[in-house]
Amino acid sequence: MQSRTLILLLAVLASLAFIFLNWGAISTPGPLSLGFIVVEAPLGWVLLGILAMLSALFLGFVAHLQTTLLVETRRHTKELEAQRALANSAEASRFTELRQYLESMTQANVDRQAQQEAAVRAAIEETGNMVAAHLGELEDRLERAGLRGLPEGRPG
């Protein structure tokens, strides 16, 4: 139990004990002045009525404050959830954009690598063709010079 609630409960119990112990004095009628007229009524009853009325007003005020606080809290919670959902969707869209960017960069790298491989293959094929052409040309020169039939490793 909270300390405020405990203190309030003790105050109410002390007040009830005081009223019970002094019931005779509370219900004894006496002259009361209302400003322009004097009436005969028990002063304790009048004071208890005023206390009850003020307590009821205080409880109404507390209930109003509590209700207002709950409504505000609920409104703030809804706004916070809306902002959280907005932030989550923005974060998800950033991740989607990042994934698309990475996929496009990966595809560009794959395409560039394929182009480079094709260029290297073409260069190798061209070099092979050039070597074959040069060998063919050398063979032709050797045949024309009549050195085609010499054993390998001996100069002519």
N, C-alpha and C. Protein backbone atom coordinates (compact mmCIF):
# COMPACT_ATOMS: atom_id res chain seq x y z
N MET A 1 0.85 -1.17 0.00
CA MET A 1 0.00 0.00 0.00
C MET A 1 0.90 1.24 0.00
N GLN A 2 0.52 2.24 -0.76
CA GLN A 2 1.32 3.46 -0.83
C GLN A 2 1.21 4.24 0.46
N SER A 3 2.23 5.02 0.74
CA SER A 3 2.25 5.77 2.00
C SER A 3 1.14 6.81 2.06
N ARG A 4 0.84 7.45 0.92
CA ARG A 4 -0.25 8.45 0.91
C ARG A 4 -1.59 7.82 1.23
N THR A 5 -1.83 6.65 0.66
CA THR A 5 -3.09 5.95 0.91
C THR A 5 -3.18 5.53 2.37
N LEU A 6 -2.09 5.08 2.93
CA LEU A 6 -2.07 4.68 4.34
C LEU A 6 -2.33 5.87 5.25
N ILE A 7 -1.71 7.00 4.97
CA ILE A 7 -1.92 8.21 5.77
C ILE A 7 -3.37 8.67 5.66
N LEU A 8 -3.94 8.65 4.46
CA LEU A 8 -5.33 9.06 4.27
C LEU A 8 -6.27 8.12 5.02
N LEU A 9 -6.02 6.83 4.98
CA LEU A 9 -6.84 5.86 5.70
C LEU A 9 -6.76 6.08 7.20
N LEU A 10 -5.56 6.34 7.72
CA LEU A 10 -5.41 6.62 9.15
C LEU A 10 -6.14 7.89 9.57
N ALA A 11 -6.11 8.92 8.70
CA ALA A 11 -6.82 10.18 9.00
C ALA A 11 -8.32 9.96 9.04
N VAL A 12 -8.86 9.17 8.11
CA VAL A 12 -10.30 8.88 8.09
C VAL A 12 -10.70 8.08 9.33
N LEU A 13 -9.90 7.08 9.67
CA LEU A 13 -10.20 6.28 10.87
C LEU A 13 -10.14 7.13 12.14
N ALA A 14 -9.16 8.03 12.25
CA ALA A 14 -9.07 8.92 13.42
C ALA A 14 -10.27 9.84 13.49
N SER A 15 -10.72 10.36 12.34
CA SER A 15 -11.91 11.23 12.32
C SER A 15 -13.15 10.46 12.75
N LEU A 16 -13.32 9.24 12.26
CA LEU A 16 -14.48 8.43 12.65
C LEU A 16 -14.45 8.10 14.14
N ALA A 17 -13.27 7.82 14.66
CA ALA A 17 -13.15 7.55 16.10
C ALA A 17 -13.51 8.78 16.91
N PHE A 18 -13.04 9.96 16.47
CA PHE A 18 -13.37 11.21 17.16
C PHE A 18 -14.88 11.46 17.15
N ILE A 19 -15.52 11.23 16.00
CA ILE A 19 -16.97 11.43 15.90
C ILE A 19 -17.71 10.45 16.81
N PHE A 20 -17.31 9.20 16.82
CA PHE A 20 -17.96 8.18 17.66
C PHE A 20 -17.82 8.51 19.14
N LEU A 21 -16.59 8.93 19.55
CA LEU A 21 -16.35 9.24 20.96
C LEU A 21 -17.08 10.50 21.42
N ASN A 22 -17.34 11.43 20.51
CA ASN A 22 -17.97 12.71 20.88
C ASN A 22 -19.36 12.87 20.26
N TRP A 23 -20.05 11.75 20.06
CA TRP A 23 -21.36 11.80 19.42
C TRP A 23 -22.35 12.64 20.21
N GLY A 24 -22.30 12.57 21.48
CA GLY A 24 -23.23 13.36 22.31
C GLY A 24 -23.03 14.84 22.09
N ALA A 25 -21.79 15.30 22.06
CA ALA A 25 -21.52 16.73 21.85
C ALA A 25 -21.85 17.15 20.43
N ILE A 26 -21.63 16.25 19.48
CA ILE A 26 -21.89 16.58 18.08
C ILE A 26 -23.38 16.76 17.83
N SER A 27 -24.22 15.94 18.49
CA SER A 27 -25.67 16.01 18.22
C SER A 27 -26.41 16.93 19.19
N THR A 28 -25.71 17.62 20.07
CA THR A 28 -26.36 18.57 20.98
C THR A 28 -26.69 19.85 20.24
N PRO A 29 -27.98 20.26 20.24
CA PRO A 29 -28.35 21.50 19.53
C PRO A 29 -27.85 22.73 20.29
N GLY A 30 -27.57 23.75 19.51
CA GLY A 30 -27.13 25.02 20.07
C GLY A 30 -27.48 26.15 19.10
N PRO A 31 -27.39 27.39 19.56
CA PRO A 31 -27.70 28.51 18.68
C PRO A 31 -26.57 28.72 17.64
N LEU A 32 -26.98 28.82 16.39
CA LEU A 32 -26.03 29.05 15.28
C LEU A 32 -26.43 30.31 14.54
N SER A 33 -25.49 31.19 14.28
CA SER A 33 -25.76 32.42 13.56
C SER A 33 -25.43 32.21 12.10
N LEU A 34 -26.37 32.54 11.23
CA LEU A 34 -26.18 32.46 9.78
C LEU A 34 -25.91 33.84 9.19
N GLY A 35 -25.59 34.78 10.00
CA GLY A 35 -25.30 36.13 9.55
C GLY A 35 -26.47 37.07 9.77
N PHE A 36 -27.64 36.74 9.30
CA PHE A 36 -28.80 37.60 9.43
C PHE A 36 -29.89 36.94 10.28
N ILE A 37 -29.70 35.69 10.64
CA ILE A 37 -30.68 34.98 11.46
C ILE A 37 -29.94 33.99 12.37
N VAL A 38 -30.50 33.72 13.51
CA VAL A 38 -29.95 32.75 14.44
C VAL A 38 -30.91 31.56 14.48
N VAL A 39 -30.32 30.34 14.30
CA VAL A 39 -31.16 29.13 14.32
C VAL A 39 -30.62 28.20 15.39
N GLU A 40 -31.48 27.30 15.83
CA GLU A 40 -31.11 26.29 16.82
C GLU A 40 -30.87 24.98 16.07
N ALA A 41 -29.61 24.50 16.02
CA ALA A 41 -29.24 23.27 15.31
C ALA A 41 -27.97 22.71 15.93
N PRO A 42 -27.76 21.40 15.76
CA PRO A 42 -26.52 20.83 16.29
C PRO A 42 -25.31 21.26 15.45
N LEU A 43 -24.33 21.89 16.09
CA LEU A 43 -23.15 22.41 15.40
C LEU A 43 -22.34 21.26 14.78
N GLY A 44 -22.25 20.13 15.43
CA GLY A 44 -21.49 18.99 14.93
C GLY A 44 -22.07 18.47 13.62
N TRP A 45 -23.40 18.41 13.54
CA TRP A 45 -24.04 17.94 12.31
C TRP A 45 -23.75 18.90 11.15
N VAL A 46 -23.80 20.18 11.42
CA VAL A 46 -23.53 21.18 10.37
C VAL A 46 -22.08 21.04 9.89
N LEU A 47 -21.15 20.92 10.85
CA LEU A 47 -19.75 20.78 10.46
C LEU A 47 -19.50 19.47 9.72
N LEU A 48 -20.15 18.38 10.15
CA LEU A 48 -20.02 17.11 9.43
C LEU A 48 -20.58 17.21 8.01
N GLY A 49 -21.68 17.94 7.85
CA GLY A 49 -22.26 18.14 6.52
C GLY A 49 -21.31 18.92 5.62
N ILE A 50 -20.71 19.98 6.18
CA ILE A 50 -19.75 20.76 5.40
C ILE A 50 -18.54 19.89 5.03
N LEU A 51 -18.06 19.09 5.99
CA LEU A 51 -16.94 18.20 5.73
C LEU A 51 -17.28 17.18 4.65
N ALA A 52 -18.49 16.61 4.71
CA ALA A 52 -18.91 15.64 3.70
C ALA A 52 -19.01 16.29 2.32
N MET A 53 -19.55 17.52 2.28
CA MET A 53 -19.68 18.22 1.00
C MET A 53 -18.29 18.54 0.41
N LEU A 54 -17.36 19.02 1.23
CA LEU A 54 -16.02 19.32 0.76
C LEU A 54 -15.29 18.04 0.33
N SER A 55 -15.51 16.93 1.05
CA SER A 55 -14.90 15.66 0.66
C SER A 55 -15.42 15.20 -0.68
N ALA A 56 -16.75 15.34 -0.89
CA ALA A 56 -17.34 14.95 -2.17
C ALA A 56 -16.77 15.81 -3.30
N LEU A 57 -16.63 17.12 -3.08
CA LEU A 57 -16.05 18.00 -4.10
C LEU A 57 -14.60 17.61 -4.38
N PHE A 58 -13.83 17.30 -3.34
CA PHE A 58 -12.44 16.89 -3.50
C PHE A 58 -12.35 15.60 -4.30
N LEU A 59 -13.18 14.61 -3.96
CA LEU A 59 -13.18 13.35 -4.70
C LEU A 59 -13.56 13.55 -6.16
N GLY A 60 -14.54 14.43 -6.41
CA GLY A 60 -14.92 14.74 -7.79
C GLY A 60 -13.77 15.38 -8.55
N PHE A 61 -13.06 16.30 -7.88
CA PHE A 61 -11.91 16.95 -8.50
C PHE A 61 -10.81 15.93 -8.82
N VAL A 62 -10.54 15.03 -7.89
CA VAL A 62 -9.52 14.00 -8.09
C VAL A 62 -9.93 13.07 -9.23
N ALA A 63 -11.21 12.70 -9.28
CA ALA A 63 -11.68 11.83 -10.36
C ALA A 63 -11.54 12.53 -11.71
N HIS A 64 -11.87 13.83 -11.74
CA HIS A 64 -11.72 14.60 -12.98
C HIS A 64 -10.25 14.65 -13.42
N LEU A 65 -9.35 14.93 -12.48
CA LEU A 65 -7.92 14.97 -12.80
C LEU A 65 -7.43 13.61 -13.31
N GLN A 66 -7.86 12.56 -12.64
CA GLN A 66 -7.42 11.21 -13.04
C GLN A 66 -7.93 10.87 -14.44
N THR A 67 -9.19 11.20 -14.70
CA THR A 67 -9.78 10.93 -16.02
C THR A 67 -9.05 11.72 -17.10
N THR A 68 -8.79 12.99 -16.83
CA THR A 68 -8.07 13.82 -17.80
C THR A 68 -6.67 13.26 -18.05
N LEU A 69 -6.02 12.84 -16.99
CA LEU A 69 -4.69 12.26 -17.13
C LEU A 69 -4.72 10.98 -17.96
N LEU A 70 -5.71 10.13 -17.72
CA LEU A 70 -5.82 8.89 -18.50
C LEU A 70 -6.08 9.18 -19.98
N VAL A 71 -6.95 10.15 -20.26
CA VAL A 71 -7.25 10.51 -21.65
C VAL A 71 -5.99 11.05 -22.34
N GLU A 72 -5.25 11.92 -21.65
CA GLU A 72 -4.01 12.47 -22.22
C GLU A 72 -2.98 11.37 -22.44
N THR A 73 -2.86 10.46 -21.48
CA THR A 73 -1.91 9.37 -21.61
C THR A 73 -2.27 8.49 -22.80
N ARG A 74 -3.54 8.20 -22.97
CA ARG A 74 -3.98 7.38 -24.10
C ARG A 74 -3.70 8.09 -25.42
N ARG A 75 -3.94 9.41 -25.46
CA ARG A 75 -3.69 10.17 -26.69
C ARG A 75 -2.19 10.17 -27.02
N HIS A 76 -1.37 10.39 -25.99
CA HIS A 76 0.08 10.38 -26.22
C HIS A 76 0.56 9.00 -26.65
N THR A 77 -0.02 7.97 -26.09
CA THR A 77 0.36 6.61 -26.47
C THR A 77 0.02 6.35 -27.92
N LYS A 78 -1.16 6.78 -28.35
CA LYS A 78 -1.55 6.60 -29.76
C LYS A 78 -0.62 7.38 -30.68
N GLU A 79 -0.29 8.61 -30.31
CA GLU A 79 0.63 9.40 -31.12
C GLU A 79 2.01 8.75 -31.18
N LEU A 80 2.46 8.23 -30.05
CA LEU A 80 3.75 7.56 -30.01
C LEU A 80 3.76 6.32 -30.89
N GLU A 81 2.69 5.55 -30.85
CA GLU A 81 2.59 4.36 -31.70
C GLU A 81 2.58 4.75 -33.18
N ALA A 82 1.87 5.84 -33.50
CA ALA A 82 1.85 6.30 -34.90
C ALA A 82 3.25 6.72 -35.34
N GLN A 83 3.97 7.44 -34.48
CA GLN A 83 5.34 7.85 -34.82
C GLN A 83 6.26 6.65 -34.92
N ARG A 84 6.07 5.67 -34.05
CA ARG A 84 6.90 4.45 -34.10
C ARG A 84 6.63 3.69 -35.40
N ALA A 85 5.36 3.60 -35.80
CA ALA A 85 5.03 2.92 -37.05
C ALA A 85 5.63 3.66 -38.24
N LEU A 86 5.57 4.99 -38.20
CA LEU A 86 6.16 5.80 -39.27
C LEU A 86 7.68 5.58 -39.33
N ALA A 87 8.32 5.56 -38.18
CA ALA A 87 9.77 5.34 -38.15
C ALA A 87 10.11 3.93 -38.64
N ASN A 88 9.32 2.94 -38.26
CA ASN A 88 9.58 1.57 -38.72
C ASN A 88 9.41 1.45 -40.23
N SER A 89 8.38 2.10 -40.78
CA SER A 89 8.19 2.03 -42.23
C SER A 89 9.32 2.77 -42.96
N ALA A 90 9.77 3.88 -42.40
CA ALA A 90 10.90 4.60 -43.01
C ALA A 90 12.16 3.75 -42.97
N GLU A 91 12.36 3.07 -41.84
CA GLU A 91 13.54 2.20 -41.71
C GLU A 91 13.45 1.04 -42.70
N ALA A 92 12.26 0.47 -42.84
CA ALA A 92 12.08 -0.64 -43.79
C ALA A 92 12.33 -0.16 -45.22
N SER A 93 11.86 1.03 -45.55
CA SER A 93 12.09 1.53 -46.91
C SER A 93 13.58 1.81 -47.14
N ARG A 94 14.29 2.26 -46.10
CA ARG A 94 15.74 2.46 -46.25
C ARG A 94 16.44 1.14 -46.49
N PHE A 95 16.02 0.09 -45.76
CA PHE A 95 16.62 -1.22 -45.98
C PHE A 95 16.31 -1.74 -47.38
N THR A 96 15.09 -1.50 -47.85
CA THR A 96 14.72 -1.92 -49.20
C THR A 96 15.57 -1.19 -50.24
N GLU A 97 15.72 0.12 -50.06
CA GLU A 97 16.56 0.89 -50.98
C GLU A 97 18.01 0.41 -50.94
N LEU A 98 18.51 0.12 -49.76
CA LEU A 98 19.88 -0.37 -49.63
C LEU A 98 20.04 -1.72 -50.33
N ARG A 99 19.06 -2.61 -50.14
CA ARG A 99 19.13 -3.92 -50.80
C ARG A 99 19.10 -3.75 -52.31
N GLN A 100 18.23 -2.88 -52.82
CA GLN A 100 18.17 -2.65 -54.27
C GLN A 100 19.48 -2.07 -54.79
N TYR A 101 20.06 -1.14 -54.03
CA TYR A 101 21.33 -0.55 -54.44
C TYR A 101 22.42 -1.62 -54.48
N LEU A 102 22.49 -2.44 -53.43
CA LEU A 102 23.51 -3.50 -53.41
C LEU A 102 23.31 -4.50 -54.54
N GLU A 103 22.05 -4.85 -54.84
CA GLU A 103 21.79 -5.77 -55.94
C GLU A 103 22.20 -5.16 -57.27
N SER A 104 21.93 -3.87 -57.47
CA SER A 104 22.31 -3.23 -58.74
C SER A 104 23.82 -3.14 -58.85
N MET A 105 24.50 -2.83 -57.72
CA MET A 105 25.96 -2.78 -57.77
C MET A 105 26.55 -4.16 -58.02
N THR A 106 25.99 -5.19 -57.41
CA THR A 106 26.47 -6.56 -57.64
C THR A 106 26.27 -6.94 -59.09
N GLN A 107 25.11 -6.62 -59.65
CA GLN A 107 24.84 -6.94 -61.05
C GLN A 107 25.80 -6.17 -61.96
N ALA A 108 26.08 -4.91 -61.62
CA ALA A 108 27.02 -4.13 -62.44
C ALA A 108 28.42 -4.73 -62.37
N ASN A 109 28.81 -5.19 -61.19
CA ASN A 109 30.13 -5.84 -61.06
C ASN A 109 30.19 -7.13 -61.84
N VAL A 110 29.12 -7.92 -61.79
CA VAL A 110 29.07 -9.17 -62.55
C VAL A 110 29.15 -8.87 -64.05
N ASP A 111 28.40 -7.87 -64.50
CA ASP A 111 28.44 -7.50 -65.92
C ASP A 111 29.83 -7.02 -66.32
N ARG A 112 30.45 -6.18 -65.48
CA ARG A 112 31.79 -5.67 -65.78
C ARG A 112 32.79 -6.83 -65.82
N GLN A 113 32.68 -7.76 -64.89
CA GLN A 113 33.59 -8.91 -64.87
C GLN A 113 33.39 -9.76 -66.12
N ALA A 114 32.15 -9.94 -66.56
CA ALA A 114 31.89 -10.71 -67.77
C ALA A 114 32.49 -10.01 -68.98
N GLN A 115 32.37 -8.69 -69.03
CA GLN A 115 32.97 -7.93 -70.14
C GLN A 115 34.49 -8.06 -70.12
N GLN A 116 35.08 -7.98 -68.92
CA GLN A 116 36.53 -8.10 -68.83
C GLN A 116 36.98 -9.49 -69.23
N GLU A 117 36.25 -10.52 -68.82
CA GLU A 117 36.59 -11.89 -69.23
C GLU A 117 36.51 -12.04 -70.73
N ALA A 118 35.46 -11.46 -71.33
CA ALA A 118 35.32 -11.53 -72.79
C ALA A 118 36.48 -10.80 -73.47
N ALA A 119 36.88 -9.66 -72.91
CA ALA A 119 37.99 -8.91 -73.50
C ALA A 119 39.28 -9.69 -73.37
N VAL A 120 39.49 -10.33 -72.19
CA VAL A 120 40.71 -11.13 -72.00
C VAL A 120 40.71 -12.31 -72.95
N ARG A 121 39.57 -12.98 -73.11
CA ARG A 121 39.49 -14.12 -74.03
C ARG A 121 39.79 -13.67 -75.47
N ALA A 122 39.22 -12.51 -75.83
CA ALA A 122 39.46 -12.00 -77.19
C ALA A 122 40.94 -11.66 -77.38
N ALA A 123 41.54 -11.07 -76.34
CA ALA A 123 42.97 -10.73 -76.44
C ALA A 123 43.81 -11.99 -76.53
N ILE A 124 43.46 -13.01 -75.74
CA ILE A 124 44.20 -14.29 -75.81
C ILE A 124 44.04 -14.92 -77.18
N GLU A 125 42.82 -14.90 -77.71
CA GLU A 125 42.58 -15.49 -79.03
C GLU A 125 43.34 -14.71 -80.10
N GLU A 126 43.32 -13.39 -79.98
CA GLU A 126 44.04 -12.56 -80.95
C GLU A 126 45.54 -12.82 -80.87
N THR A 127 46.05 -12.94 -79.62
CA THR A 127 47.48 -13.23 -79.45
C THR A 127 47.81 -14.60 -80.03
N GLY A 128 46.96 -15.58 -79.79
CA GLY A 128 47.17 -16.91 -80.37
C GLY A 128 47.16 -16.87 -81.87
N ASN A 129 46.24 -16.12 -82.45
CA ASN A 129 46.18 -15.98 -83.91
C ASN A 129 47.44 -15.30 -84.43
N MET A 130 47.92 -14.28 -83.71
CA MET A 130 49.13 -13.58 -84.15
C MET A 130 50.33 -14.51 -84.09
N VAL A 131 50.44 -15.29 -82.99
CA VAL A 131 51.56 -16.23 -82.87
C VAL A 131 51.48 -17.27 -83.99
N ALA A 132 50.27 -17.78 -84.24
CA ALA A 132 50.10 -18.77 -85.31
C ALA A 132 50.47 -18.16 -86.66
N ALA A 133 50.09 -16.91 -86.88
CA ALA A 133 50.41 -16.24 -88.14
C ALA A 133 51.91 -16.06 -88.28
N HIS A 134 52.56 -15.64 -87.19
CA HIS A 134 54.01 -15.45 -87.25
C HIS A 134 54.71 -16.79 -87.48
N LEU A 135 54.25 -17.85 -86.81
CA LEU A 135 54.84 -19.16 -87.04
C LEU A 135 54.63 -19.62 -88.49
N GLY A 136 53.46 -19.36 -88.98
CA GLY A 136 53.18 -19.72 -90.37
C GLY A 136 54.08 -18.96 -91.32
N GLU A 137 54.26 -17.69 -91.02
CA GLU A 137 55.13 -16.87 -91.87
C GLU A 137 56.57 -17.38 -91.80
N LEU A 138 57.04 -17.72 -90.59
CA LEU A 138 58.39 -18.26 -90.45
C LEU A 138 58.54 -19.59 -91.19
N GLU A 139 57.54 -20.44 -91.11
CA GLU A 139 57.58 -21.72 -91.83
C GLU A 139 57.67 -21.47 -93.33
N ASP A 140 56.89 -20.51 -93.79
CA ASP A 140 56.93 -20.20 -95.23
C ASP A 140 58.33 -19.72 -95.63
N ARG A 141 58.93 -18.87 -94.84
CA ARG A 141 60.27 -18.36 -95.15
C ARG A 141 61.29 -19.51 -95.15
N LEU A 142 61.15 -20.38 -94.15
CA LEU A 142 62.08 -21.50 -94.08
C LEU A 142 61.90 -22.43 -95.28
N GLU A 143 60.70 -22.68 -95.70
CA GLU A 143 60.46 -23.52 -96.86
C GLU A 143 61.02 -22.88 -98.10
N ARG A 144 60.86 -21.59 -98.24
CA ARG A 144 61.38 -20.91 -99.40
C ARG A 144 62.91 -20.91 -99.39
N ALA A 145 63.46 -20.86 -98.21
CA ALA A 145 64.92 -20.86 -98.12
C ALA A 145 65.46 -22.28 -98.22
N GLY A 146 64.64 -23.28 -98.20
CA GLY A 146 65.03 -24.65 -98.35
C GLY A 146 65.55 -25.24 -97.06
N LEU A 147 65.25 -24.69 -95.96
CA LEU A 147 65.76 -25.18 -94.70
C LEU A 147 64.71 -25.99 -93.93
N ARG A 148 63.74 -26.37 -94.57
CA ARG A 148 62.63 -27.02 -93.90
C ARG A 148 63.03 -28.41 -93.46
N GLY A 149 63.85 -29.10 -94.14
CA GLY A 149 64.17 -30.47 -93.87
C GLY A 149 65.33 -30.65 -92.91
N LEU A 150 65.97 -29.65 -92.40
CA LEU A 150 67.10 -29.78 -91.51
C LEU A 150 66.65 -30.29 -90.15
N PRO A 151 67.55 -31.07 -89.51
CA PRO A 151 67.19 -31.54 -88.17
C PRO A 151 67.13 -30.37 -87.19
N GLU A 152 66.37 -30.58 -86.22
CA GLU A 152 66.17 -29.50 -85.23
C GLU A 152 67.42 -29.35 -84.38
N GLY A 153 67.68 -28.12 -83.99
CA GLY A 153 68.79 -27.84 -83.12
C GLY A 153 70.07 -27.55 -83.87
N ARG A 154 70.18 -27.81 -85.20
CA ARG A 154 71.39 -27.50 -85.96
C ARG A 154 71.15 -26.34 -86.91
N PRO A 155 71.99 -25.41 -86.86
CA PRO A 155 71.80 -24.30 -87.80
C PRO A 155 72.25 -24.72 -89.19
N GLY A 156 71.60 -24.10 -90.17
CA GLY A 156 71.85 -24.46 -91.54
C GLY A 156 73.00 -23.89 -92.16
